[in-house]
Amino acid sequence: MSTEKSPLLNNENDYNNLHYGHSSEAPEADRQATYVTVPPIGPDELPPPYNPSPHGVPMITCKVCGFMIDITGRRDQHVVKCSSCNEATVSP
């Protein structure tokens, strides 16, 4: 039976060296982070402009990735989900 002062994990030092989300095999210099900059949205900012497509389908531009989102049947929704980046975009 173990005492209260003994560690719960046998190889405690192995767990202290792991970083969540990163492989322990790659050195720190070989890792490259990818950052996506999204401009801040002000309280008085207008939603993305309504862009009628040449085919007459109502569409808006995703604020995150710029993908054209078809809003047919969803014009009364205030927020729509982009099918390209899965982020929410304000609908007019």
C-alpha atoms as a PDB file:
ATOM      1  CA  MET A   1       0.000   0.000   0.000  1.00  0.00           C
ATOM      2  CA  SER A   2       1.383   3.429  -0.930  1.00  0.00           C
ATOM      3  CA  THR A   3       1.598   6.364   1.403  1.00  0.00           C
ATOM      4  CA  GLU A   4       0.222   9.832   0.822  1.00  0.00           C
ATOM      5  CA  LYS A   5       3.705  11.153   0.080  1.00  0.00           C
ATOM      6  CA  SER A   6       4.423   8.731  -2.774  1.00  0.00           C
ATOM      7  CA  PRO A   7       3.586   9.906  -6.329  1.00  0.00           C
ATOM      8  CA  LEU A   8       0.405   8.630  -7.938  1.00  0.00           C
ATOM      9  CA  LEU A   9       2.175   8.162 -11.276  1.00  0.00           C
ATOM     10  CA  ASN A  10       5.219   5.934 -11.523  1.00  0.00           C
ATOM     11  CA  ASN A  11       6.863   7.838 -14.400  1.00  0.00           C
ATOM     12  CA  GLU A  12       5.982  11.337 -13.303  1.00  0.00           C
ATOM     13  CA  ASN A  13       8.956  12.929 -15.088  1.00  0.00           C
ATOM     14  CA  ASP A  14       7.767  11.594 -18.470  1.00  0.00           C
ATOM     15  CA  TYR A  15       4.484  13.491 -18.138  1.00  0.00           C
ATOM     16  CA  ASN A  16       6.120  16.767 -17.137  1.00  0.00           C
ATOM     17  CA  ASN A  17       8.000  16.964 -20.440  1.00  0.00           C
ATOM     18  CA  LEU A  18       4.931  16.571 -22.680  1.00  0.00           C
ATOM     19  CA  HIS A  19       3.215  19.605 -24.202  1.00  0.00           C
ATOM     20  CA  TYR A  20      -0.418  19.290 -25.124  1.00  0.00           C
ATOM     21  CA  GLY A  21      -1.080  19.556 -28.853  1.00  0.00           C
ATOM     22  CA  HIS A  22       2.562  19.047 -29.842  1.00  0.00           C
ATOM     23  CA  SER A  23       4.570  15.965 -30.613  1.00  0.00           C
ATOM     24  CA  SER A  24       7.393  15.361 -28.163  1.00  0.00           C
ATOM     25  CA  GLU A  25       9.584  14.151 -31.042  1.00  0.00           C
ATOM     26  CA  ALA A  26       9.969  17.445 -32.942  1.00  0.00           C
ATOM     27  CA  PRO A  27      12.446  19.998 -31.602  1.00  0.00           C
ATOM     28  CA  GLU A  28      11.067  23.425 -30.746  1.00  0.00           C
ATOM     29  CA  ALA A  29      12.847  25.117 -33.688  1.00  0.00           C
ATOM     30  CA  ASP A  30      11.176  22.825 -36.258  1.00  0.00           C
ATOM     31  CA  ARG A  31       7.625  23.725 -35.214  1.00  0.00           C
ATOM     32  CA  GLN A  32       5.852  26.480 -37.104  1.00  0.00           C
ATOM     33  CA  ALA A  33       2.650  28.056 -35.890  1.00  0.00           C
ATOM     34  CA  THR A  34      -0.023  29.213 -38.307  1.00  0.00           C
ATOM     35  CA  TYR A  35      -2.015  32.226 -37.185  1.00  0.00           C
ATOM     36  CA  VAL A  36      -5.127  33.618 -38.816  1.00  0.00           C
ATOM     37  CA  THR A  37      -5.750  37.288 -38.181  1.00  0.00           C
ATOM     38  CA  VAL A  38      -9.394  38.298 -38.028  1.00  0.00           C
ATOM     39  CA  PRO A  39     -10.140  42.003 -37.880  1.00  0.00           C
ATOM     40  CA  PRO A  40     -12.060  43.095 -34.785  1.00  0.00           C
ATOM     41  CA  ILE A  41     -15.774  43.720 -35.206  1.00  0.00           C
ATOM     42  CA  GLY A  42     -16.969  47.031 -33.841  1.00  0.00           C
ATOM     43  CA  PRO A  43     -20.388  47.538 -32.243  1.00  0.00           C
ATOM     44  CA  ASP A  44     -21.386  49.992 -34.986  1.00  0.00           C
ATOM     45  CA  GLU A  45     -20.026  47.894 -37.875  1.00  0.00           C
ATOM     46  CA  LEU A  46     -22.364  46.919 -40.677  1.00  0.00           C
ATOM     47  CA  PRO A  47     -22.847  43.267 -41.662  1.00  0.00           C
ATOM     48  CA  PRO A  48     -21.208  41.973 -44.845  1.00  0.00           C
ATOM     49  CA  PRO A  49     -22.796  43.402 -47.968  1.00  0.00           C
ATOM     50  CA  TYR A  50     -25.493  41.504 -49.791  1.00  0.00           C
ATOM     51  CA  ASN A  51     -24.051  40.292 -53.101  1.00  0.00           C
ATOM     52  CA  PRO A  52     -26.630  39.087 -55.605  1.00  0.00           C
ATOM     53  CA  SER A  53     -25.092  36.367 -57.727  1.00  0.00           C
ATOM     54  CA  PRO A  54     -25.415  36.365 -61.509  1.00  0.00           C
ATOM     55  CA  HIS A  55     -27.844  33.439 -61.235  1.00  0.00           C
ATOM     56  CA  GLY A  56     -30.207  35.321 -58.918  1.00  0.00           C
ATOM     57  CA  VAL A  57     -29.344  33.300 -55.778  1.00  0.00           C
ATOM     58  CA  PRO A  58     -29.007  35.482 -52.637  1.00  0.00           C
ATOM     59  CA  MET A  59     -25.481  35.169 -51.239  1.00  0.00           C
ATOM     60  CA  ILE A  60     -23.279  36.875 -48.653  1.00  0.00           C
ATOM     61  CA  THR A  61     -19.524  36.812 -48.166  1.00  0.00           C
ATOM     62  CA  CYS A  62     -18.085  34.963 -45.150  1.00  0.00           C
ATOM     63  CA  LYS A  63     -16.390  37.487 -42.874  1.00  0.00           C
ATOM     64  CA  VAL A  64     -13.698  34.953 -41.898  1.00  0.00           C
ATOM     65  CA  CYS A  65     -12.615  33.258 -45.143  1.00  0.00           C
ATOM     66  CA  GLY A  66     -14.398  35.192 -47.920  1.00  0.00           C
ATOM     67  CA  PHE A  67     -16.395  32.178 -49.145  1.00  0.00           C
ATOM     68  CA  MET A  68     -19.726  32.957 -50.803  1.00  0.00           C
ATOM     69  CA  ILE A  69     -22.591  31.628 -48.639  1.00  0.00           C
ATOM     70  CA  ASP A  70     -25.952  30.862 -50.239  1.00  0.00           C
ATOM     71  CA  ILE A  71     -28.669  32.276 -47.977  1.00  0.00           C
ATOM     72  CA  THR A  72     -31.660  31.008 -49.962  1.00  0.00           C
ATOM     73  CA  GLY A  73     -34.360  30.238 -47.411  1.00  0.00           C
ATOM     74  CA  ARG A  74     -32.250  31.731 -44.611  1.00  0.00           C
ATOM     75  CA  ARG A  75     -32.679  35.451 -45.263  1.00  0.00           C
ATOM     76  CA  ASP A  76     -34.531  35.902 -41.961  1.00  0.00           C
ATOM     77  CA  GLN A  77     -31.629  34.419 -39.958  1.00  0.00           C
ATOM     78  CA  HIS A  78     -29.240  36.885 -38.343  1.00  0.00           C
ATOM     79  CA  VAL A  79     -26.270  34.496 -38.308  1.00  0.00           C
ATOM     80  CA  VAL A  80     -25.396  31.778 -40.825  1.00  0.00           C
ATOM     81  CA  LYS A  81     -22.682  29.113 -40.704  1.00  0.00           C
ATOM     82  CA  CYS A  82     -20.047  29.082 -43.436  1.00  0.00           C
ATOM     83  CA  SER A  83     -19.763  25.669 -45.080  1.00  0.00           C
ATOM     84  CA  SER A  84     -16.104  26.307 -45.937  1.00  0.00           C
ATOM     85  CA  CYS A  85     -14.578  27.338 -42.579  1.00  0.00           C
ATOM     86  CA  ASN A  86     -17.502  26.391 -40.257  1.00  0.00           C
ATOM     87  CA  GLU A  87     -17.500  29.842 -38.649  1.00  0.00           C
ATOM     88  CA  ALA A  88     -20.555  32.012 -38.029  1.00  0.00           C
ATOM     89  CA  THR A  89     -21.133  35.085 -40.201  1.00  0.00           C
ATOM     90  CA  VAL A  90     -23.637  37.888 -39.695  1.00  0.00           C
ATOM     91  CA  SER A  91     -26.394  37.873 -42.289  1.00  0.00           C
ATOM     92  CA  PRO A  92     -28.041  41.114 -43.501  1.00  0.00           C
END
